[in-house]
N, C-alpha and C. Protein backbone atom coordinates (compact mmCIF):
# COMPACT_ATOMS: atom_id res chain seq x y z
N MET A 1 31.20 81.31 -132.30
CA MET A 1 31.19 80.58 -133.45
C MET A 1 32.49 80.37 -133.75
N ARG A 2 33.09 79.49 -134.79
CA ARG A 2 34.08 79.17 -135.42
C ARG A 2 34.29 79.56 -136.62
N TYR A 3 35.89 80.59 -136.93
CA TYR A 3 35.66 80.86 -138.11
C TYR A 3 36.91 80.42 -138.98
N LYS A 4 36.75 80.31 -140.28
CA LYS A 4 37.85 79.27 -141.16
C LYS A 4 38.71 80.64 -141.66
N ASP A 5 39.85 80.69 -141.55
CA ASP A 5 40.74 81.39 -141.61
C ASP A 5 40.87 80.97 -143.23
N ASP A 6 41.27 82.44 -144.07
CA ASP A 6 41.50 82.03 -145.93
C ASP A 6 42.25 82.81 -146.13
N LEU A 7 43.92 82.58 -145.88
CA LEU A 7 44.66 83.18 -146.09
C LEU A 7 45.04 83.79 -147.53
N ALA A 8 44.77 82.79 -148.00
CA ALA A 8 44.88 83.58 -149.43
C ALA A 8 44.37 84.44 -150.05
N LYS A 9 43.03 84.41 -149.39
CA LYS A 9 42.00 85.57 -150.20
C LYS A 9 42.33 86.77 -148.77
N GLY A 10 43.06 86.69 -148.14
CA GLY A 10 42.77 87.96 -146.80
C GLY A 10 42.34 87.65 -145.40
N TYR A 11 41.82 86.28 -145.50
CA TYR A 11 40.56 86.69 -144.20
C TYR A 11 41.22 85.65 -142.89
N VAL A 12 41.12 86.17 -141.71
CA VAL A 12 41.39 86.00 -140.65
C VAL A 12 40.51 85.82 -139.37
N ASN A 13 40.16 84.78 -139.02
CA ASN A 13 38.94 85.06 -137.93
C ASN A 13 37.53 85.57 -138.29
N GLY A 14 37.36 85.74 -140.08
CA GLY A 14 36.57 86.11 -140.31
C GLY A 14 36.20 87.46 -140.81
N TYR A 15 37.58 88.19 -140.23
CA TYR A 15 37.57 89.32 -140.94
C TYR A 15 38.70 89.69 -141.95
N TYR A 16 38.04 90.28 -143.17
CA TYR A 16 39.14 91.08 -144.15
C TYR A 16 40.45 91.58 -143.58
N VAL A 17 41.39 91.34 -143.66
CA VAL A 17 42.74 92.00 -143.01
C VAL A 17 43.56 92.27 -144.49
N GLY A 18 43.46 91.80 -145.67
CA GLY A 18 44.19 92.25 -146.42
C GLY A 18 45.19 91.14 -146.91
N GLN A 19 45.73 91.18 -147.86
CA GLN A 19 46.66 90.53 -148.73
C GLN A 19 48.21 90.90 -148.79
N SER A 20 49.10 90.16 -148.65
CA SER A 20 50.33 90.72 -148.64
C SER A 20 50.65 90.78 -150.05
N GLU A 21 51.74 91.66 -150.15
CA GLU A 21 52.35 92.08 -151.50
C GLU A 21 53.50 91.94 -151.52
N GLY A 22 54.73 91.44 -152.50
CA GLY A 22 56.05 91.44 -152.53
C GLY A 22 56.74 90.56 -151.36
N SER A 23 57.85 90.35 -151.06
CA SER A 23 58.55 89.56 -150.68
C SER A 23 58.92 89.96 -149.17
N ARG A 24 59.43 89.08 -148.33
CA ARG A 24 59.90 89.73 -146.86
C ARG A 24 61.34 90.50 -147.14
N LEU A 25 62.13 90.59 -148.46
CA LEU A 25 63.16 91.03 -148.64
C LEU A 25 62.87 92.35 -149.19
N VAL A 26 64.13 93.23 -148.86
CA VAL A 26 63.88 94.70 -149.72
C VAL A 26 64.03 94.26 -151.18
N ASP A 27 63.21 94.95 -151.81
CA ASP A 27 63.20 94.75 -153.44
C ASP A 27 64.45 95.13 -153.72
N GLY A 28 65.05 93.95 -154.89
CA GLY A 28 65.94 93.65 -155.71
C GLY A 28 67.05 92.93 -154.84
N LEU A 29 66.83 92.84 -153.72
CA LEU A 29 67.44 92.22 -152.72
C LEU A 29 67.90 90.68 -152.54
N ALA A 30 68.66 90.28 -153.58
CA ALA A 30 68.87 89.01 -153.97
C ALA A 30 68.78 87.57 -152.86
N PRO A 31 68.08 86.41 -152.75
CA PRO A 31 67.94 85.98 -151.67
C PRO A 31 69.59 85.04 -151.14
N ASN A 32 70.38 85.00 -152.36
CA ASN A 32 71.61 84.26 -151.59
C ASN A 32 72.90 84.65 -152.37
N ALA A 33 72.59 85.98 -152.50
CA ALA A 33 73.86 87.19 -152.78
C ALA A 33 75.09 87.20 -151.62
N ASN A 34 76.21 87.24 -151.95
CA ASN A 34 77.11 87.35 -150.92
C ASN A 34 77.44 88.79 -151.08
N ASP A 35 76.69 89.56 -150.30
CA ASP A 35 76.84 91.35 -150.35
C ASP A 35 77.05 91.86 -149.11
N GLY A 36 76.74 91.05 -147.94
CA GLY A 36 77.24 91.46 -146.76
C GLY A 36 75.70 91.96 -146.12
N LEU A 37 74.77 91.45 -146.62
CA LEU A 37 73.49 92.14 -146.31
C LEU A 37 72.50 90.43 -145.63
N GLY A 38 73.59 89.73 -144.96
CA GLY A 38 72.60 87.95 -144.58
C GLY A 38 71.93 88.78 -143.46
N ASN A 39 72.26 89.77 -142.59
CA ASN A 39 71.60 90.36 -141.37
C ASN A 39 70.09 90.43 -141.74
N VAL A 40 69.83 91.18 -143.25
CA VAL A 40 68.95 91.31 -143.43
C VAL A 40 67.97 90.47 -144.01
N ARG A 41 68.33 89.38 -144.91
CA ARG A 41 68.12 88.27 -145.42
C ARG A 41 67.40 87.20 -144.42
N SER A 42 68.07 87.53 -142.82
CA SER A 42 67.29 86.08 -141.74
C SER A 42 66.54 87.02 -140.86
N PHE A 43 66.23 88.61 -140.59
CA PHE A 43 65.58 89.06 -139.79
C PHE A 43 64.00 88.77 -140.59
N GLU A 44 63.34 88.65 -139.30
CA GLU A 44 61.83 88.46 -139.63
C GLU A 44 61.09 89.54 -139.83
N HIS A 45 60.58 90.13 -140.49
CA HIS A 45 59.64 91.40 -140.40
C HIS A 45 58.21 91.54 -140.21
N VAL A 46 58.01 92.21 -139.05
CA VAL A 46 56.91 92.19 -138.37
C VAL A 46 56.37 93.39 -138.77
N GLY A 47 54.94 93.32 -138.36
CA GLY A 47 53.91 94.58 -138.58
C GLY A 47 52.59 94.15 -138.00
N THR A 48 51.61 95.40 -137.50
CA THR A 48 50.62 95.29 -136.92
C THR A 48 49.33 95.13 -138.38
N VAL A 49 48.54 94.12 -138.31
CA VAL A 49 47.78 94.21 -139.07
C VAL A 49 46.20 94.74 -138.70
N THR A 50 45.61 95.60 -139.87
CA THR A 50 44.44 96.14 -138.73
C THR A 50 43.29 95.94 -139.80
N GLN A 51 42.31 95.33 -139.24
CA GLN A 51 41.20 95.43 -140.24
C GLN A 51 40.51 96.70 -141.13
N ASP A 52 40.16 96.69 -142.28
CA ASP A 52 39.66 97.43 -142.96
C ASP A 52 38.66 98.43 -142.60
N GLY A 53 38.12 98.08 -141.73
CA GLY A 53 37.20 98.79 -141.24
C GLY A 53 37.63 100.01 -140.33
N SER A 54 39.28 99.62 -139.33
CA SER A 54 39.51 100.59 -138.59
C SER A 54 40.24 101.23 -139.61
N THR A 55 40.85 101.37 -140.71
CA THR A 55 41.69 102.12 -141.52
C THR A 55 40.60 103.07 -142.34
N PRO A 56 40.76 104.45 -142.19
CA PRO A 56 39.36 105.06 -142.73
C PRO A 56 39.89 105.20 -144.47
N ASN A 57 38.85 104.89 -145.10
CA ASN A 57 38.94 105.18 -146.39
C ASN A 57 40.15 103.97 -147.41
N SER A 58 40.10 102.79 -146.63
CA SER A 58 40.79 101.91 -147.31
C SER A 58 39.70 101.36 -148.31
N PRO A 59 40.11 101.37 -149.70
CA PRO A 59 39.22 100.43 -150.67
C PRO A 59 38.68 98.92 -150.17
N VAL A 60 37.79 98.79 -150.63
CA VAL A 60 37.47 97.14 -150.54
C VAL A 60 38.07 96.45 -151.80
N PRO A 61 38.66 95.36 -151.59
CA PRO A 61 39.49 94.79 -152.92
C PRO A 61 38.39 94.47 -154.26
N ALA A 62 38.56 94.70 -155.22
CA ALA A 62 37.45 94.46 -156.08
C ALA A 62 37.15 92.93 -156.16
N ASP A 63 38.09 91.91 -155.63
CA ASP A 63 37.02 90.53 -155.99
C ASP A 63 35.85 90.50 -155.01
N LEU A 64 35.53 91.57 -154.04
CA LEU A 64 34.59 91.36 -152.73
C LEU A 64 33.50 92.22 -153.65
N VAL A 65 33.50 92.93 -154.64
CA VAL A 65 32.33 93.65 -154.75
C VAL A 65 32.52 93.28 -156.59
N SER A 66 31.58 93.33 -157.49
CA SER A 66 31.22 92.82 -158.68
C SER A 66 29.90 93.71 -159.43
N TRP A 67 29.92 93.61 -160.67
CA TRP A 67 29.05 94.13 -161.37
C TRP A 67 27.92 92.59 -162.17
N LYS A 68 26.87 92.93 -162.04
CA LYS A 68 25.88 92.03 -162.74
C LYS A 68 25.07 92.74 -163.68
N ALA A 69 25.02 92.16 -164.71
CA ALA A 69 24.04 92.95 -165.76
C ALA A 69 22.56 92.47 -165.46
N THR A 70 21.93 93.06 -165.74
CA THR A 70 20.16 93.14 -165.37
C THR A 70 19.85 92.56 -166.34
N GLY A 71 20.13 92.75 -167.68
CA GLY A 71 19.25 92.61 -168.99
C GLY A 71 18.51 93.34 -169.95
N GLU A 72 18.63 94.44 -168.73
CA GLU A 72 17.95 95.96 -169.22
C GLU A 72 18.61 96.81 -170.10
N GLU A 73 18.39 97.07 -170.96
CA GLU A 73 18.75 98.07 -171.81
C GLU A 73 17.97 99.27 -171.98
N GLY A 74 18.44 100.56 -172.34
CA GLY A 74 17.41 101.64 -173.05
C GLY A 74 18.12 102.95 -173.81
N PRO A 75 17.45 103.87 -174.68
CA PRO A 75 17.96 104.57 -174.91
C PRO A 75 17.92 106.07 -174.04
N HIS A 76 18.78 106.75 -174.19
CA HIS A 76 18.80 108.37 -173.67
C HIS A 76 19.37 109.36 -174.11
N GLU A 77 18.79 110.19 -174.47
CA GLU A 77 19.39 111.44 -176.00
C GLU A 77 20.19 110.80 -176.61
N GLY A 78 19.58 109.47 -177.67
CA GLY A 78 20.00 108.94 -178.43
C GLY A 78 21.22 107.78 -178.27
N VAL A 79 21.72 107.45 -176.98
CA VAL A 79 22.50 106.93 -176.67
C VAL A 79 21.55 105.86 -175.72
N VAL A 80 21.95 104.39 -176.46
CA VAL A 80 21.75 103.10 -176.20
C VAL A 80 22.63 102.39 -174.78
N TYR A 81 21.72 102.36 -173.61
CA TYR A 81 22.68 101.95 -172.47
C TYR A 81 22.29 100.64 -172.02
N VAL A 82 23.26 99.89 -171.14
CA VAL A 82 22.94 98.73 -170.62
C VAL A 82 23.16 99.11 -168.83
N GLN A 83 21.84 98.40 -168.16
CA GLN A 83 21.95 98.32 -166.66
C GLN A 83 22.97 97.37 -165.82
N TYR A 84 23.28 97.78 -165.09
CA TYR A 84 24.43 96.70 -164.30
C TYR A 84 23.88 97.25 -162.36
N GLU A 85 24.39 96.14 -161.83
CA GLU A 85 23.82 96.55 -160.57
C GLU A 85 25.08 96.13 -159.85
N LEU A 86 25.42 96.83 -158.73
CA LEU A 86 27.07 96.46 -158.17
C LEU A 86 26.46 95.68 -156.81
N LEU A 87 27.20 94.65 -156.75
CA LEU A 87 27.13 93.27 -155.83
C LEU A 87 28.08 93.06 -154.92
N ASP A 88 27.93 93.25 -153.65
CA ASP A 88 28.65 92.83 -152.18
C ASP A 88 29.35 91.13 -152.47
N VAL A 89 29.84 90.73 -151.71
CA VAL A 89 30.37 89.50 -151.60
C VAL A 89 28.92 88.62 -151.55
N ASP A 90 28.13 89.21 -150.67
CA ASP A 90 26.75 88.42 -150.39
C ASP A 90 26.02 88.24 -151.33
N ASP A 91 26.23 88.80 -152.69
CA ASP A 91 25.45 89.36 -153.77
C ASP A 91 24.04 90.06 -153.05
N ASN A 92 24.37 91.26 -152.28
CA ASN A 92 23.10 92.21 -151.70
C ASN A 92 23.90 93.39 -152.95
N VAL A 93 22.64 94.07 -153.21
CA VAL A 93 22.84 95.00 -154.20
C VAL A 93 23.66 96.56 -153.61
N ILE A 94 24.56 97.07 -153.80
CA ILE A 94 24.89 98.34 -153.53
C ILE A 94 24.37 99.43 -154.16
N PRO A 95 23.37 100.19 -153.54
CA PRO A 95 22.80 100.96 -154.11
C PRO A 95 23.46 102.21 -154.54
N LEU A 96 23.45 102.92 -155.77
CA LEU A 96 24.26 104.02 -156.44
C LEU A 96 24.20 105.18 -156.60
N ASP A 97 22.52 105.36 -156.16
CA ASP A 97 21.81 106.40 -156.25
C ASP A 97 22.78 107.68 -155.61
N GLU A 98 22.34 109.17 -155.70
CA GLU A 98 22.80 110.19 -155.48
C GLU A 98 22.73 110.09 -153.72
N ASP A 99 21.77 109.61 -153.24
CA ASP A 99 21.67 109.90 -151.55
C ASP A 99 22.52 108.88 -150.95
N ASN A 100 23.06 107.61 -151.89
CA ASN A 100 24.19 106.80 -151.21
C ASN A 100 25.52 106.83 -151.67
N LEU A 101 25.64 107.90 -152.47
CA LEU A 101 27.01 107.78 -152.90
C LEU A 101 27.80 109.26 -152.62
N THR A 102 28.82 109.49 -152.36
CA THR A 102 29.96 110.28 -152.26
C THR A 102 30.28 110.94 -153.30
N TYR A 103 30.77 109.71 -154.14
CA TYR A 103 31.49 109.96 -156.14
C TYR A 103 31.23 108.67 -156.29
N ILE A 104 31.56 108.63 -157.88
CA ILE A 104 31.84 107.22 -158.60
C ILE A 104 32.51 107.97 -159.69
N THR A 105 33.39 106.80 -160.05
CA THR A 105 34.12 107.67 -160.80
C THR A 105 34.55 106.37 -162.20
N ARG A 106 35.00 106.82 -162.95
CA ARG A 106 35.37 105.69 -163.87
C ARG A 106 36.10 106.21 -164.66
N ASP A 107 37.51 105.17 -164.90
CA ASP A 107 39.38 105.60 -164.93
C ASP A 107 39.60 106.54 -164.69
N GLY A 108 39.39 107.34 -163.20
CA GLY A 108 39.47 108.43 -162.72
C GLY A 108 38.83 109.76 -163.11
N LYS A 109 37.92 109.41 -164.08
CA LYS A 109 36.81 111.19 -164.42
C LYS A 109 35.57 110.63 -163.68
N GLU A 110 35.54 111.72 -163.03
CA GLU A 110 34.10 111.51 -161.98
C GLU A 110 32.63 111.77 -162.88
N LEU A 111 31.89 110.44 -162.29
CA LEU A 111 30.63 110.57 -163.02
C LEU A 111 29.46 111.29 -161.91
N LYS A 112 28.47 111.69 -162.22
CA LYS A 112 27.25 112.31 -162.10
C LYS A 112 26.05 111.75 -161.23
N PRO A 113 26.29 111.23 -160.05
CA PRO A 113 25.33 110.07 -159.73
C PRO A 113 23.90 110.84 -159.43
N ASP A 114 22.81 109.94 -160.20
CA ASP A 114 21.48 110.34 -160.16
C ASP A 114 20.65 109.63 -159.46
N ALA A 115 19.27 110.03 -159.52
CA ALA A 115 18.29 109.40 -158.88
C ALA A 115 18.28 107.47 -158.56
N ASP A 116 19.02 107.20 -159.99
CA ASP A 116 19.17 105.75 -160.36
C ASP A 116 19.65 104.67 -158.98
N SER A 117 19.62 104.00 -158.60
CA SER A 117 20.31 103.07 -158.04
C SER A 117 21.22 102.26 -158.78
N THR A 118 20.80 102.25 -159.81
CA THR A 118 22.04 101.02 -160.76
C THR A 118 23.11 102.13 -161.61
N LEU A 119 23.62 101.03 -162.44
CA LEU A 119 24.70 101.97 -163.43
C LEU A 119 24.11 101.69 -164.82
N TRP A 120 24.20 102.87 -165.44
CA TRP A 120 23.78 102.36 -167.04
C TRP A 120 25.12 102.79 -167.67
N PHE A 121 25.37 101.82 -168.57
CA PHE A 121 26.68 101.90 -169.15
C PHE A 121 26.35 101.84 -170.76
N ASN A 122 27.58 103.09 -171.23
CA ASN A 122 26.99 103.24 -172.35
C ASN A 122 27.48 102.07 -173.09
N LYS A 123 26.67 101.84 -174.38
CA LYS A 123 26.69 100.64 -174.86
C LYS A 123 27.55 100.41 -175.95
N SER A 124 28.03 101.76 -176.57
CA SER A 124 28.92 102.21 -177.76
C SER A 124 30.28 102.42 -177.34
N LEU A 125 30.73 102.46 -176.16
CA LEU A 125 31.95 102.37 -175.74
C LEU A 125 32.81 101.30 -176.16
N PRO A 126 34.20 101.47 -176.67
CA PRO A 126 34.83 100.43 -176.87
C PRO A 126 35.19 99.08 -175.73
N HIS A 127 35.53 97.89 -176.43
CA HIS A 127 35.58 96.81 -175.56
C HIS A 127 36.99 97.11 -174.54
N GLY A 128 37.13 96.67 -173.55
CA GLY A 128 37.97 96.68 -172.62
C GLY A 128 37.59 96.82 -171.08
N ARG A 129 38.45 97.01 -170.22
CA ARG A 129 37.95 96.98 -169.08
C ARG A 129 37.99 98.72 -168.58
N TYR A 130 37.09 98.48 -167.69
CA TYR A 130 36.56 99.82 -167.14
C TYR A 130 36.90 99.79 -165.48
N VAL A 131 37.61 100.29 -165.11
CA VAL A 131 37.58 100.53 -163.72
C VAL A 131 36.68 101.56 -162.72
N PHE A 132 35.70 101.25 -162.02
CA PHE A 132 35.10 102.34 -161.60
C PHE A 132 35.60 102.09 -159.73
N GLU A 133 35.60 103.50 -159.17
CA GLU A 133 35.61 103.64 -158.09
C GLU A 133 34.59 104.04 -157.40
N ILE A 134 33.60 103.71 -156.12
CA ILE A 134 32.39 104.16 -155.69
C ILE A 134 32.92 104.61 -154.20
N LYS A 135 32.78 105.82 -153.74
CA LYS A 135 32.65 105.70 -152.32
C LYS A 135 30.99 106.10 -152.05
N THR A 136 30.74 105.09 -151.01
CA THR A 136 29.35 105.53 -150.31
C THR A 136 29.48 106.46 -149.67
N ALA A 137 28.05 106.61 -149.18
CA ALA A 137 27.92 107.90 -148.30
C ALA A 137 28.50 107.52 -146.58
N VAL A 138 28.32 105.93 -146.53
CA VAL A 138 29.28 105.85 -145.12
C VAL A 138 30.59 105.78 -145.10
N ASN A 139 31.19 106.35 -146.17
CA ASN A 139 33.00 106.37 -146.11
C ASN A 139 33.40 105.08 -146.60
N VAL A 140 32.90 104.07 -147.54
CA VAL A 140 33.49 102.70 -148.00
C VAL A 140 33.72 102.83 -149.29
N ILE A 141 34.68 102.72 -149.75
CA ILE A 141 35.66 102.84 -151.19
C ILE A 141 35.32 101.25 -152.01
N HIS A 142 34.85 101.15 -152.73
CA HIS A 142 34.65 100.05 -153.75
C HIS A 142 35.77 100.41 -154.83
N VAL A 143 36.48 99.62 -155.33
CA VAL A 143 36.86 99.55 -156.49
C VAL A 143 36.43 98.26 -157.48
N ALA A 144 35.86 98.45 -158.34
CA ALA A 144 35.06 97.57 -159.19
C ALA A 144 35.54 97.44 -160.63
N PRO A 145 35.96 96.70 -161.12
CA PRO A 145 36.25 96.70 -162.53
C PRO A 145 35.06 95.91 -163.50
N LEU A 146 35.20 96.70 -164.50
CA LEU A 146 33.83 95.94 -165.54
C LEU A 146 34.47 95.73 -166.80
N ASP A 147 34.50 94.44 -167.10
CA ASP A 147 34.93 94.03 -168.38
C ASP A 147 34.05 93.85 -169.50
N TRP A 148 34.02 95.26 -170.47
CA TRP A 148 33.15 95.32 -171.09
C TRP A 148 33.51 94.80 -172.73
N ARG A 149 32.62 93.64 -173.11
CA ARG A 149 32.64 93.18 -174.30
C ARG A 149 32.05 93.56 -175.23
N GLY A 150 30.57 94.18 -174.84
CA GLY A 150 29.85 94.81 -175.76
C GLY A 150 28.75 93.42 -176.18
């Protein structure tokens, strides 16, 4: 089987290997300055790239998981909630029930998983971006932002 590399999205041979951040130069090091550090500029930095699966607890990039509104909404204890499913890159639902999660947080605040496999989002929260971190029972961490427009 042949794989197509997609370096812009961080894929090599069909595996997600991460994306490069920053530049090859030390932060603040001007590319053409006459400061005696030409040897640093001409040095090619090399490192080891590991697959995310071989690095424990490395988060799945947010663009590989996404929220999808189901169209369902309903009240609970006087608050109206809307339902969302968490989907992986192949549009498979990632279950969010207590048996499949170690934890789930919204903007750093821990939420309590229950028997429901979807997220019920409080409809009265202000517009904005809410970042969820989800750790599954198989130790995969997903970071999934939800842009709430109400």
